[in-house]
PDB file of N, CA and C in Angstrom:
ATOM      1  N   UNK A   1     111.515 287.065  37.156  1.00  0.00           N
ATOM      2  CA  UNK A   1     111.589 287.296  35.776  1.00  0.00           C
ATOM      3  C   UNK A   1     112.355 286.178  35.150  1.00  0.00           C
ATOM      4  N   UNK A   2     111.766 285.624  33.804  1.00  0.00           N
ATOM      5  CA  UNK A   2     112.325 284.585  33.308  1.00  0.00           C
ATOM      6  C   UNK A   2     112.885 285.170  31.912  1.00  0.00           C
ATOM      7  N   UNK A   3     114.036 284.452  31.419  1.00  0.00           N
ATOM      8  CA  UNK A   3     114.532 285.207  29.962  1.00  0.00           C
ATOM      9  C   UNK A   3     114.616 283.938  29.527  1.00  0.00           C
ATOM     10  N   UNK A   4     114.201 283.775  28.004  1.00  0.00           N
ATOM     11  CA  UNK A   4     113.814 282.468  26.819  1.00  0.00           C
ATOM     12  C   UNK A   4     114.501 283.041  25.893  1.00  0.00           C
ATOM     13  N   UNK A   5     115.458 282.344  25.277  1.00  0.00           N
ATOM     14  CA  UNK A   5     116.842 282.586  24.373  1.00  0.00           C
ATOM     15  C   UNK A   5     116.572 281.554  23.803  1.00  0.00           C
ATOM     16  N   UNK A   6     116.738 281.721  22.169  1.00  0.00           N
ATOM     17  CA  UNK A   6     116.640 280.291  21.267  1.00  0.00           C
ATOM     18  C   UNK A   6     117.638 281.316  20.252  1.00  0.00           C
ATOM     19  N   UNK A   7     118.679 279.726  19.469  1.00  0.00           N
ATOM     20  CA  UNK A   7     119.529 280.335  18.832  1.00  0.00           C
ATOM     21  C   UNK A   7     119.263 279.566  17.497  1.00  0.00           C
ATOM     22  N   UNK A   8     118.872 279.513  16.168  1.00  0.00           N
ATOM     23  CA  UNK A   8     118.726 279.133  15.141  1.00  0.00           C
ATOM     24  C   UNK A   8     119.770 279.170  14.085  1.00  0.00           C
ATOM     25  N   UNK A   9     120.679 278.251  13.656  1.00  0.00           N
ATOM     26  CA  UNK A   9     121.464 277.774  13.230  1.00  0.00           C
ATOM     27  C   UNK A   9     120.837 277.666  11.412  1.00  0.00           C
ATOM     28  N   UNK A  10     121.830 278.257  10.822  1.00  0.00           N
ATOM     29  CA  UNK A  10     120.943 278.085   9.124  1.00  0.00           C
ATOM     30  C   UNK A  10     122.211 277.620   8.204  1.00  0.00           C
ATOM     31  N   UNK A  11     121.900 277.208   6.985  1.00  0.00           N
ATOM     32  CA  UNK A  11     122.515 276.574   5.787  1.00  0.00           C
ATOM     33  C   UNK A  11     122.114 277.625   4.866  1.00  0.00           C
ATOM     34  N   UNK A  12     122.881 278.419   4.548  1.00  0.00           N
ATOM     35  CA  UNK A  12     122.004 279.836   3.072  1.00  0.00           C
ATOM     36  C   UNK A  12     122.999 278.849   1.822  1.00  0.00           C
ATOM     37  N   UNK A  13     122.111 278.008   1.032  1.00  0.00           N
ATOM     38  CA  UNK A  13     123.456 277.416   0.315  1.00  0.00           C
ATOM     39  C   UNK A  13     122.886 278.410  -1.193  1.00  0.00           C
ATOM     40  N   UNK A  14     122.407 279.153  -1.086  1.00  0.00           N
ATOM     41  CA  UNK A  14     122.134 280.495  -2.785  1.00  0.00           C
ATOM     42  C   UNK A  14     122.746 281.413  -1.987  1.00  0.00           C
ATOM     43  N   UNK A  15     123.704 281.645  -1.321  1.00  0.00           N
ATOM     44  CA  UNK A  15     124.082 282.972  -1.108  1.00  0.00           C
ATOM     45  C   UNK A  15     125.584 282.834  -1.292  1.00  0.00           C
ATOM     46  N   UNK A  16     125.818 283.979  -2.568  1.00  0.00           N
ATOM     47  CA  UNK A  16     127.152 283.850  -3.199  1.00  0.00           C
ATOM     48  C   UNK A  16     128.058 284.976  -2.507  1.00  0.00           C
ATOM     49  N   UNK A  17     127.329 286.069  -1.849  1.00  0.00           N
ATOM     50  CA  UNK A  17     128.277 287.048  -1.191  1.00  0.00           C
ATOM     51  C   UNK A  17     127.603 287.337   0.163  1.00  0.00           C
ATOM     52  N   UNK A  18     128.046 288.096   1.109  1.00  0.00           N
ATOM     53  CA  UNK A  18     127.838 288.751   2.445  1.00  0.00           C
ATOM     54  C   UNK A  18     126.778 289.533   2.114  1.00  0.00           C
ATOM     55  N   UNK A  19     126.911 290.542   1.340  1.00  0.00           N
ATOM     56  CA  UNK A  19     125.607 291.553   1.492  1.00  0.00           C
ATOM     57  C   UNK A  19     124.354 290.831   0.889  1.00  0.00           C
ATOM     58  N   UNK A  20     124.655 289.836  -0.158  1.00  0.00           N
ATOM     59  CA  UNK A  20     123.504 289.289  -0.422  1.00  0.00           C
ATOM     60  C   UNK A  20     122.732 288.576   0.687  1.00  0.00           C
ATOM     61  N   UNK A  21     123.727 287.598   1.753  1.00  0.00           N
ATOM     62  CA  UNK A  21     123.215 287.064   2.977  1.00  0.00           C
ATOM     63  C   UNK A  21     122.714 287.855   3.639  1.00  0.00           C
ATOM     64  N   UNK A  22     123.050 289.128   4.172  1.00  0.00           N
ATOM     65  CA  UNK A  22     122.676 289.920   5.076  1.00  0.00           C
ATOM     66  C   UNK A  22     121.455 290.646   4.499  1.00  0.00           C
ATOM     67  N   UNK A  23     121.137 291.199   3.374  1.00  0.00           N
ATOM     68  CA  UNK A  23     120.014 291.351   3.024  1.00  0.00           C
ATOM     69  C   UNK A  23     119.243 290.420   2.849  1.00  0.00           C
ATOM     70  N   UNK A  24     119.504 288.645   2.939  1.00  0.00           N
ATOM     71  CA  UNK A  24     118.491 287.887   3.027  1.00  0.00           C
ATOM     72  C   UNK A  24     118.052 287.897   4.125  1.00  0.00           C
ATOM     73  N   UNK A  25     118.734 288.086   5.170  1.00  0.00           N
ATOM     74  CA  UNK A  25     118.442 287.785   6.829  1.00  0.00           C
ATOM     75  C   UNK A  25     117.792 288.642   7.450  1.00  0.00           C
ATOM     76  N   UNK A  26     118.336 290.184   6.875  1.00  0.00           N
ATOM     77  CA  UNK A  26     117.131 291.383   7.382  1.00  0.00           C
ATOM     78  C   UNK A  26     115.822 291.017   7.473  1.00  0.00           C
ATOM     79  N   UNK A  27     115.376 290.834   6.703  1.00  0.00           N
ATOM     80  CA  UNK A  27     114.003 290.887   6.378  1.00  0.00           C
ATOM     81  C   UNK A  27     113.072 289.635   7.340  1.00  0.00           C
ATOM     82  N   UNK A  28     113.844 288.262   7.753  1.00  0.00           N
ATOM     83  CA  UNK A  28     113.585 287.538   9.247  1.00  0.00           C
ATOM     84  C   UNK A  28     114.082 288.272  10.659  1.00  0.00           C
ATOM     85  N   UNK A  29     114.811 288.864  10.724  1.00  0.00           N
ATOM     86  CA  UNK A  29     115.105 289.507  12.044  1.00  0.00           C
ATOM     87  C   UNK A  29     114.175 290.808  12.071  1.00  0.00           C
ATOM     88  N   UNK A  30     113.794 291.235  10.865  1.00  0.00           N
ATOM     89  CA  UNK A  30     112.623 292.726  11.376  1.00  0.00           C
ATOM     90  C   UNK A  30     111.257 291.471  11.750  1.00  0.00           C
ATOM     91  N   UNK A  31     110.843 291.026  11.078  1.00  0.00           N
ATOM     92  CA  UNK A  31     109.563 290.458  11.334  1.00  0.00           C
ATOM     93  C   UNK A  31     109.478 289.969  12.862  1.00  0.00           C
ATOM     94  N   UNK A  32     110.630 289.284  13.342  1.00  0.00           N
ATOM     95  CA  UNK A  32     110.758 288.656  14.669  1.00  0.00           C
ATOM     96  C   UNK A  32     110.232 289.939  15.393  1.00  0.00           C
ATOM     97  N   UNK A  33     111.750 290.801  14.951  1.00  0.00           N
ATOM     98  CA  UNK A  33     111.154 292.165  16.346  1.00  0.00           C
ATOM     99  C   UNK A  33     109.749 292.550  15.917  1.00  0.00           C
ATOM    100  N   UNK A  34     109.460 292.680  15.112  1.00  0.00           N
ATOM    101  CA  UNK A  34     108.307 293.518  15.196  1.00  0.00           C
ATOM    102  C   UNK A  34     106.894 292.592  15.144  1.00  0.00           C
ATOM    103  N   UNK A  35     106.679 291.441  14.666  1.00  0.00           N
ATOM    104  CA  UNK A  35     105.701 290.260  14.825  1.00  0.00           C
ATOM    105  C   UNK A  35     106.064 289.437  16.158  1.00  0.00           C
ATOM    106  N   UNK A  36     106.746 289.909  16.565  1.00  0.00           N
ATOM    107  CA  UNK A  36     106.785 288.776  17.990  1.00  0.00           C
ATOM    108  C   UNK A  36     107.333 289.741  19.264  1.00  0.00           C
ATOM    109  N   UNK A  37     107.180 290.864  19.045  1.00  0.00           N
ATOM    110  CA  UNK A  37     107.731 291.805  19.700  1.00  0.00           C
ATOM    111  C   UNK A  37     108.951 291.368  20.793  1.00  0.00           C
ATOM    112  N   UNK A  38     110.008 290.596  20.191  1.00  0.00           N
ATOM    113  CA  UNK A  38     111.151 290.545  20.848  1.00  0.00           C
ATOM    114  C   UNK A  38     112.460 290.587  20.084  1.00  0.00           C
ATOM    115  N   UNK A  39     114.001 290.657  20.867  1.00  0.00           N
ATOM    116  CA  UNK A  39     114.863 290.874  20.187  1.00  0.00           C
ATOM    117  C   UNK A  39     115.242 289.851  19.331  1.00  0.00           C
ATOM    118  N   UNK A  40     116.019 290.234  18.454  1.00  0.00           N
ATOM    119  CA  UNK A  40     116.748 289.318  17.608  1.00  0.00           C
ATOM    120  C   UNK A  40     117.770 289.688  16.853  1.00  0.00           C
ATOM    121  N   UNK A  41     119.153 288.962  16.712  1.00  0.00           N
ATOM    122  CA  UNK A  41     120.465 289.640  15.931  1.00  0.00           C
ATOM    123  C   UNK A  41     120.982 288.599  15.275  1.00  0.00           C
ATOM    124  N   UNK A  42     121.592 288.834  14.369  1.00  0.00           N
ATOM    125  CA  UNK A  42     122.474 287.580  13.690  1.00  0.00           C
ATOM    126  C   UNK A  42     123.764 287.705  15.059  1.00  0.00           C
ATOM    127  N   UNK A  43     123.768 286.637  15.354  1.00  0.00           N
ATOM    128  CA  UNK A  43     124.904 286.233  16.867  1.00  0.00           C
ATOM    129  C   UNK A  43     126.101 285.200  16.264  1.00  0.00           C
ATOM    130  N   UNK A  44     126.362 284.927  15.125  1.00  0.00           N
ATOM    131  CA  UNK A  44     127.629 283.997  14.690  1.00  0.00           C
ATOM    132  C   UNK A  44     127.665 283.927  13.307  1.00  0.00           C
ATOM    133  N   UNK A  45     128.975 283.676  13.016  1.00  0.00           N
ATOM    134  CA  UNK A  45     129.271 283.353  11.226  1.00  0.00           C
ATOM    135  C   UNK A  45     128.712 284.342  10.394  1.00  0.00           C
ATOM    136  N   UNK A  46     128.984 285.582  11.296  1.00  0.00           N
ATOM    137  CA  UNK A  46     128.740 287.200  10.294  1.00  0.00           C
ATOM    138  C   UNK A  46     129.992 286.982   9.097  1.00  0.00           C
ATOM    139  N   UNK A  47     130.574 286.525   9.483  1.00  0.00           N
ATOM    140  CA  UNK A  47     131.480 286.244   8.217  1.00  0.00           C
ATOM    141  C   UNK A  47     131.926 285.150   7.341  1.00  0.00           C
ATOM    142  N   UNK A  48     131.295 284.444   7.330  1.00  0.00           N
ATOM    143  CA  UNK A  48     130.941 282.979   6.092  1.00  0.00           C
ATOM    144  C   UNK A  48     129.569 283.034   5.692  1.00  0.00           C
ATOM    145  N   UNK A  49     130.011 282.856   4.288  1.00  0.00           N
ATOM    146  CA  UNK A  49     128.927 283.160   2.923  1.00  0.00           C
ATOM    147  C   UNK A  49     127.474 282.318   3.013  1.00  0.00           C
ATOM    148  N   UNK A  50     127.862 280.895   3.499  1.00  0.00           N
ATOM    149  CA  UNK A  50     126.136 280.467   3.621  1.00  0.00           C
ATOM    150  C   UNK A  50     126.334 279.875   4.965  1.00  0.00           C
ATOM    151  N   UNK A  51     126.698 280.422   5.806  1.00  0.00           N
ATOM    152  CA  UNK A  51     126.531 279.888   7.151  1.00  0.00           C
ATOM    153  C   UNK A  51     125.142 281.323   7.856  1.00  0.00           C
ATOM    154  N   UNK A  52     124.728 280.808   8.997  1.00  0.00           N
ATOM    155  CA  UNK A  52     124.406 282.076   9.839  1.00  0.00           C
ATOM    156  C   UNK A  52     123.548 281.779  11.185  1.00  0.00           C
ATOM    157  N   UNK A  53     123.757 282.626  12.166  1.00  0.00           N
ATOM    158  CA  UNK A  53     122.710 281.951  13.136  1.00  0.00           C
ATOM    159  C   UNK A  53     122.326 283.250  13.875  1.00  0.00           C
ATOM    160  N   UNK A  54     120.918 283.265  13.944  1.00  0.00           N
ATOM    161  CA  UNK A  54     119.568 284.131  14.758  1.00  0.00           C
ATOM    162  C   UNK A  54     119.528 283.817  16.189  1.00  0.00           C
ATOM    163  N   UNK A  55     119.598 284.793  17.164  1.00  0.00           N
ATOM    164  CA  UNK A  55     119.385 284.807  18.143  1.00  0.00           C
ATOM    165  C   UNK A  55     118.608 285.340  18.562  1.00  0.00           C
ATOM    166  N   UNK A  56     117.345 285.134  19.187  1.00  0.00           N
ATOM    167  CA  UNK A  56     116.484 285.755  20.176  1.00  0.00           C
ATOM    168  C   UNK A  56     116.226 285.820  21.259  1.00  0.00           C
ATOM    169  N   UNK A  57     115.530 286.720  22.050  1.00  0.00           N
ATOM    170  CA  UNK A  57     115.803 286.386  23.381  1.00  0.00           C
ATOM    171  C   UNK A  57     114.614 287.131  23.771  1.00  0.00           C
ATOM    172  N   UNK A  58     113.513 287.049  24.703  1.00  0.00           N
ATOM    173  CA  UNK A  58     111.871 287.349  25.470  1.00  0.00           C
ATOM    174  C   UNK A  58     112.523 287.464  27.124  1.00  0.00           C
ATOM    175  N   UNK A  59     111.501 288.201  27.438  1.00  0.00           N
ATOM    176  CA  UNK A  59     111.577 288.288  29.130  1.00  0.00           C
ATOM    177  C   UNK A  59     110.044 288.355  29.394  1.00  0.00           C
ATOM    178  N   UNK A  60     109.840 287.777  30.271  1.00  0.00           N
ATOM    179  CA  UNK A  60     108.484 287.674  30.894  1.00  0.00           C
ATOM    180  C   UNK A  60     108.453 287.578  32.503  1.00  0.00           C
ATOM    181  N   UNK A  61     107.198 287.397  33.137  1.00  0.00           N
ATOM    182  CA  UNK A  61     107.052 287.103  34.293  1.00  0.00           C
ATOM    183  C   UNK A  61     107.530 285.616  34.786  1.00  0.00           C
ATOM    184  N   UNK A  62     107.653 284.672  33.844  1.00  0.00           N
ATOM    185  CA  UNK A  62     107.543 283.392  34.221  1.00  0.00           C
ATOM    186  C   UNK A  62     107.411 282.818  32.999  1.00  0.00           C
ATOM    187  N   UNK A  63     108.010 281.079  33.257  1.00  0.00           N
ATOM    188  CA  UNK A  63     108.121 280.597  32.012  1.00  0.00           C
ATOM    189  C   UNK A  63     106.993 280.483  31.312  1.00  0.00           C
ATOM    190  N   UNK A  64     105.471 279.987  31.925  1.00  0.00           N
ATOM    191  CA  UNK A  64     104.499 279.931  31.134  1.00  0.00           C
ATOM    192  C   UNK A  64     103.880 280.432  30.435  1.00  0.00           C
ATOM    193  N   UNK A  65     104.442 282.524  30.659  1.00  0.00           N
ATOM    194  CA  UNK A  65     103.961 283.301  29.744  1.00  0.00           C
ATOM    195  C   UNK A  65     104.967 283.009  28.307  1.00  0.00           C
ATOM    196  N   UNK A  66     106.068 282.311  28.262  1.00  0.00           N
ATOM    197  CA  UNK A  66     106.824 282.671  27.574  1.00  0.00           C
ATOM    198  C   UNK A  66     107.087 281.374  26.478  1.00  0.00           C
ATOM    199  N   UNK A  67     106.904 280.419  26.966  1.00  0.00           N
ATOM    200  CA  UNK A  67     107.000 278.668  26.461  1.00  0.00           C
ATOM    201  C   UNK A  67     105.780 279.363  25.018  1.00  0.00           C
ATOM    202  N   UNK A  68     104.527 279.440  24.954  1.00  0.00           N
ATOM    203  CA  UNK A  68     103.847 279.566  24.154  1.00  0.00           C
ATOM    204  C   UNK A  68     104.368 280.599  22.627  1.00  0.00           C
ATOM    205  N   UNK A  69     105.148 281.797  23.463  1.00  0.00           N
ATOM    206  CA  UNK A  69     105.737 282.789  22.436  1.00  0.00           C
ATOM    207  C   UNK A  69     106.445 282.152  21.806  1.00  0.00           C
ATOM    208  N   UNK A  70     107.831 281.565  22.231  1.00  0.00           N
ATOM    209  CA  UNK A  70     108.655 280.746  21.831  1.00  0.00           C
ATOM    210  C   UNK A  70     108.240 279.682  20.649  1.00  0.00           C
ATOM    211  N   UNK A  71     107.443 278.871  21.090  1.00  0.00           N
ATOM    212  CA  UNK A  71     106.729 278.043  20.422  1.00  0.00           C
ATOM    213  C   UNK A  71     106.019 278.321  18.684  1.00  0.00           C
ATOM    214  N   UNK A  72     105.804 279.350  19.262  1.00  0.00           N
ATOM    215  CA  UNK A  72     105.180 280.232  17.786  1.00  0.00           C
ATOM    216  C   UNK A  72     106.484 280.641  16.751  1.00  0.00           C
ATOM    217  N   UNK A  73     107.172 281.569  17.794  1.00  0.00           N
ATOM    218  CA  UNK A  73     108.585 281.799  16.801  1.00  0.00           C
ATOM    219  C   UNK A  73     109.686 280.912  15.980  1.00  0.00           C
ATOM    220  N   UNK A  74     109.470 279.679  16.503  1.00  0.00           N
ATOM    221  CA  UNK A  74     110.140 278.460  16.125  1.00  0.00           C
ATOM    222  C   UNK A  74     109.320 277.790  14.881  1.00  0.00           C
ATOM    223  N   UNK A  75     107.830 277.613  14.901  1.00  0.00           N
ATOM    224  CA  UNK A  75     107.187 277.651  14.373  1.00  0.00           C
ATOM    225  C   UNK A  75     107.216 278.707  12.881  1.00  0.00           C
ATOM    226  N   UNK A  76     107.163 279.934  13.460  1.00  0.00           N
ATOM    227  CA  UNK A  76     107.203 280.860  12.200  1.00  0.00           C
ATOM    228  C   UNK A  76     108.494 280.314  11.284  1.00  0.00           C
ATOM    229  N   UNK A  77     110.176 280.389  12.684  1.00  0.00           N
ATOM    230  CA  UNK A  77     111.176 280.290  11.855  1.00  0.00           C
ATOM    231  C   UNK A  77     111.187 279.104  10.968  1.00  0.00           C
ATOM    232  N   UNK A  78     111.092 277.926  11.001  1.00  0.00           N
ATOM    233  CA  UNK A  78     110.946 276.658  10.748  1.00  0.00           C
ATOM    234  C   UNK A  78     109.991 277.067   9.333  1.00  0.00           C
ATOM    235  N   UNK A  79     108.617 277.678   8.952  1.00  0.00           N
ATOM    236  CA  UNK A  79     108.024 278.013   7.989  1.00  0.00           C
ATOM    237  C   UNK A  79     108.887 279.085   7.357  1.00  0.00           C
ATOM    238  N   UNK A  80     109.495 279.781   7.375  1.00  0.00           N
ATOM    239  CA  UNK A  80     110.189 280.573   6.535  1.00  0.00           C
ATOM    240  C   UNK A  80     111.547 280.137   6.008  1.00  0.00           C
ATOM    241  N   UNK A  81     112.215 278.901   6.773  1.00  0.00           N
ATOM    242  CA  UNK A  81     113.307 278.086   6.566  1.00  0.00           C
ATOM    243  C   UNK A  81     113.279 277.353   5.340  1.00  0.00           C
ATOM    244  N   UNK A  82     111.731 276.812   5.087  1.00  0.00           N
ATOM    245  CA  UNK A  82     111.355 276.026   3.909  1.00  0.00           C
ATOM    246  C   UNK A  82     110.882 276.629   2.596  1.00  0.00           C
ATOM    247  N   UNK A  83     110.303 277.957   3.214  1.00  0.00           N
ATOM    248  CA  UNK A  83     109.858 278.663   1.785  1.00  0.00           C
ATOM    249  C   UNK A  83     110.891 278.897   1.654  1.00  0.00           C
ATOM    250  N   UNK A  84     111.530 279.988   2.332  1.00  0.00           N
ATOM    251  CA  UNK A  84     113.420 280.584   1.425  1.00  0.00           C
ATOM    252  C   UNK A  84     114.016 279.250   0.921  1.00  0.00           C
ATOM    253  N   UNK A  85     113.870 278.472   0.890  1.00  0.00           N
ATOM    254  CA  UNK A  85     115.135 277.245   0.660  1.00  0.00           C
ATOM    255  C   UNK A  85     116.317 277.225   1.222  1.00  0.00           C
ATOM    256  N   UNK A  86     115.754 277.712   2.615  1.00  0.00           N
ATOM    257  CA  UNK A  86     117.621 277.354   3.685  1.00  0.00           C
ATOM    258  C   UNK A  86     116.861 276.289   4.491  1.00  0.00           C
ATOM    259  N   UNK A  87     118.270 275.984   4.971  1.00  0.00           N
ATOM    260  CA  UNK A  87     118.336 274.586   5.991  1.00  0.00           C
ATOM    261  C   UNK A  87     118.683 275.122   7.120  1.00  0.00           C
ATOM    262  N   UNK A  88     117.529 274.915   7.743  1.00  0.00           N
ATOM    263  CA  UNK A  88     117.793 275.179   9.540  1.00  0.00           C
ATOM    264  C   UNK A  88     118.300 273.849   9.942  1.00  0.00           C
ATOM    265  N   UNK A  89     119.590 274.222  10.511  1.00  0.00           N
ATOM    266  CA  UNK A  89     120.621 273.225  10.576  1.00  0.00           C
ATOM    267  C   UNK A  89     120.488 272.633  12.159  1.00  0.00           C
ATOM    268  N   UNK A  90     119.990 273.805  12.722  1.00  0.00           N
ATOM    269  CA  UNK A  90     119.998 273.544  14.418  1.00  0.00           C
ATOM    270  C   UNK A  90     119.028 274.338  15.071  1.00  0.00           C
ATOM    271  N   UNK A  91     118.921 274.092  16.366  1.00  0.00           N
ATOM    272  CA  UNK A  91     117.851 274.842  17.454  1.00  0.00           C
ATOM    273  C   UNK A  91     118.257 274.631  18.676  1.00  0.00           C
ATOM    274  N   UNK A  92     119.011 276.160  19.337  1.00  0.00           N
ATOM    275  CA  UNK A  92     118.810 275.838  20.529  1.00  0.00           C
ATOM    276  C   UNK A  92     117.890 276.719  21.165  1.00  0.00           C
ATOM    277  N   UNK A  93     117.436 276.434  22.972  1.00  0.00           N
ATOM    278  CA  UNK A  93     117.096 277.284  23.559  1.00  0.00           C
ATOM    279  C   UNK A  93     116.574 276.899  24.741  1.00  0.00           C
ATOM    280  N   UNK A  94     116.679 277.895  25.540  1.00  0.00           N
ATOM    281  CA  UNK A  94     116.657 277.772  26.973  1.00  0.00           C
ATOM    282  C   UNK A  94     115.652 279.004  28.137  1.00  0.00           C
ATOM    283  N   UNK A  95     115.660 278.666  29.323  1.00  0.00           N
ATOM    284  CA  UNK A  95     114.733 279.399  29.899  1.00  0.00           C
ATOM    285  C   UNK A  95     115.828 279.273  31.282  1.00  0.00           C
ATOM    286  N   UNK A  96     116.246 281.234  31.376  1.00  0.00           N
ATOM    287  CA  UNK A  96     116.936 281.413  32.515  1.00  0.00           C
ATOM    288  C   UNK A  96     115.664 282.263  33.799  1.00  0.00           C
ATOM    289  N   UNK A  97     116.145 281.629  34.536  1.00  0.00           N
ATOM    290  CA  UNK A  97     115.013 281.867  35.676  1.00  0.00           C
ATOM    291  C   UNK A  97     115.843 282.843  36.560  1.00  0.00           C
ATOM    292  N   UNK A  98     115.299 283.829  37.170  1.00  0.00           N
ATOM    293  CA  UNK A  98     116.099 284.990  38.105  1.00  0.00           C
ATOM    294  C   UNK A  98     114.640 284.681  39.379  1.00  0.00           C
ATOM    295  N   UNK A  99     115.205 285.184  40.639  1.00  0.00           N
ATOM    296  CA  UNK A  99     114.415 285.555  41.356  1.00  0.00           C
ATOM    297  C   UNK A  99     113.367 286.660  41.712  1.00  0.00           C
ATOM    298  N   UNK A 100     113.336 286.957  42.415  1.00  0.00           N
ATOM    299  CA  UNK A 100     112.011 288.172  42.525  1.00  0.00           C
ATOM    300  C   UNK A 100     112.962 289.613  42.435  1.00  0.00           C
ATOM    301  N   UNK A 101     113.335 289.358  41.347  1.00  0.00           N
ATOM    302  CA  UNK A 101     114.623 291.224  40.964  1.00  0.00           C
ATOM    303  C   UNK A 101     113.631 292.442  41.755  1.00  0.00           C
ATOM    304  N   UNK A 102     112.290 292.551  41.717  1.00  0.00           N
ATOM    305  CA  UNK A 102     111.674 293.669  42.298  1.00  0.00           C
ATOM    306  C   UNK A 102     111.709 293.531  43.835  1.00  0.00           C
ATOM    307  N   UNK A 103     111.890 292.300  44.585  1.00  0.00           N
ATOM    308  CA  UNK A 103     111.894 292.499  46.076  1.00  0.00           C
ATOM    309  C   UNK A 103     112.623 293.362  46.773  1.00  0.00           C
ATOM    310  N   UNK A 104     112.536 293.988  47.930  1.00  0.00           N
ATOM    311  CA  UNK A 104     112.947 294.918  48.845  1.00  0.00           C
ATOM    312  C   UNK A 104     114.306 293.954  49.326  1.00  0.00           C
ATOM    313  N   UNK A 105     115.358 294.291  49.107  1.00  0.00           N
ATOM    314  CA  UNK A 105     116.694 293.963  49.453  1.00  0.00           C
ATOM    315  C   UNK A 105     117.293 292.791  48.221  1.00  0.00           C
ATOM    316  N   UNK A 106     116.787 292.594  47.289  1.00  0.00           N
ATOM    317  CA  UNK A 106     117.295 292.363  46.359  1.00  0.00           C
ATOM    318  C   UNK A 106     118.942 292.644  45.801  1.00  0.00           C
ATOM    319  N   UNK A 107     119.661 292.062  45.156  1.00  0.00           N
ATOM    320  CA  UNK A 107     120.993 292.630  44.752  1.00  0.00           C
ATOM    321  C   UNK A 107     121.267 293.006  43.367  1.00  0.00           C
ATOM    322  N   UNK A 108     120.121 292.322  42.888  1.00  0.00           N
ATOM    323  CA  UNK A 108     119.982 292.169  41.467  1.00  0.00           C
ATOM    324  C   UNK A 108     119.746 293.508  41.094  1.00  0.00           C
ATOM    325  N   UNK A 109     121.012 293.592  40.031  1.00  0.00           N
ATOM    326  CA  UNK A 109     121.315 295.406  39.284  1.00  0.00           C
ATOM    327  C   UNK A 109     121.285 296.105  40.487  1.00  0.00           C
ATOM    328  N   UNK A 110     121.508 296.429  41.414  1.00  0.00           N
ATOM    329  CA  UNK A 110     121.825 296.723  42.465  1.00  0.00           C
ATOM    330  C   UNK A 110     123.082 298.086  42.080  1.00  0.00           C
ATOM    331  N   UNK A 111     123.311 299.556  42.195  1.00  0.00           N
ATOM    332  CA  UNK A 111     124.272 300.069  41.785  1.00  0.00           C
ATOM    333  C   UNK A 111     125.341 299.800  42.979  1.00  0.00           C
ATOM    334  N   UNK A 112     126.500 299.890  42.532  1.00  0.00           N
ATOM    335  CA  UNK A 112     127.795 299.423  43.311  1.00  0.00           C
ATOM    336  C   UNK A 112     128.675 300.843  43.695  1.00  0.00           C
ATOM    337  N   UNK A 113     128.839 301.141  44.874  1.00  0.00           N
ATOM    338  CA  UNK A 113     129.709 302.257  45.536  1.00  0.00           C
ATOM    339  C   UNK A 113     130.431 301.984  44.935  1.00  0.00           C
ATOM    340  N   UNK A 114     130.940 303.683  44.192  1.00  0.00           N
ATOM    341  CA  UNK A 114     132.195 304.312  43.389  1.00  0.00           C
ATOM    342  C   UNK A 114     133.475 303.753  44.800  1.00  0.00           C
ATOM    343  N   UNK A 115     134.566 303.335  43.821  1.00  0.00           N
ATOM    344  CA  UNK A 115     135.742 303.417  45.078  1.00  0.00           C
ATOM    345  C   UNK A 115     136.109 305.030  45.455  1.00  0.00           C
TER     346      UNK A 115
END
């Protein structure tokens, strides 16, 4: 199992209030969730007017299944930022690989005995 993770940091120069900022970011998160079937959330800078960070996560069987998806997500977000007059200030991504989580004897996700 592989988890793909990306965090996009934005500068939103035209936002003048937190409500405006949240209303501006909400459609991006919704489009990422529905259009790419990934999880998306605002993950930092919630109380700063002109900054936002959106994290996305996808899970798949292997890295080769997730690399094209993450590439499409990055392309979409870069296009959205350009069209929206938002500056994408940074992008961080990584792939977290786990062993065969369904294998017999795997302790991943095993329930602990109550004490």
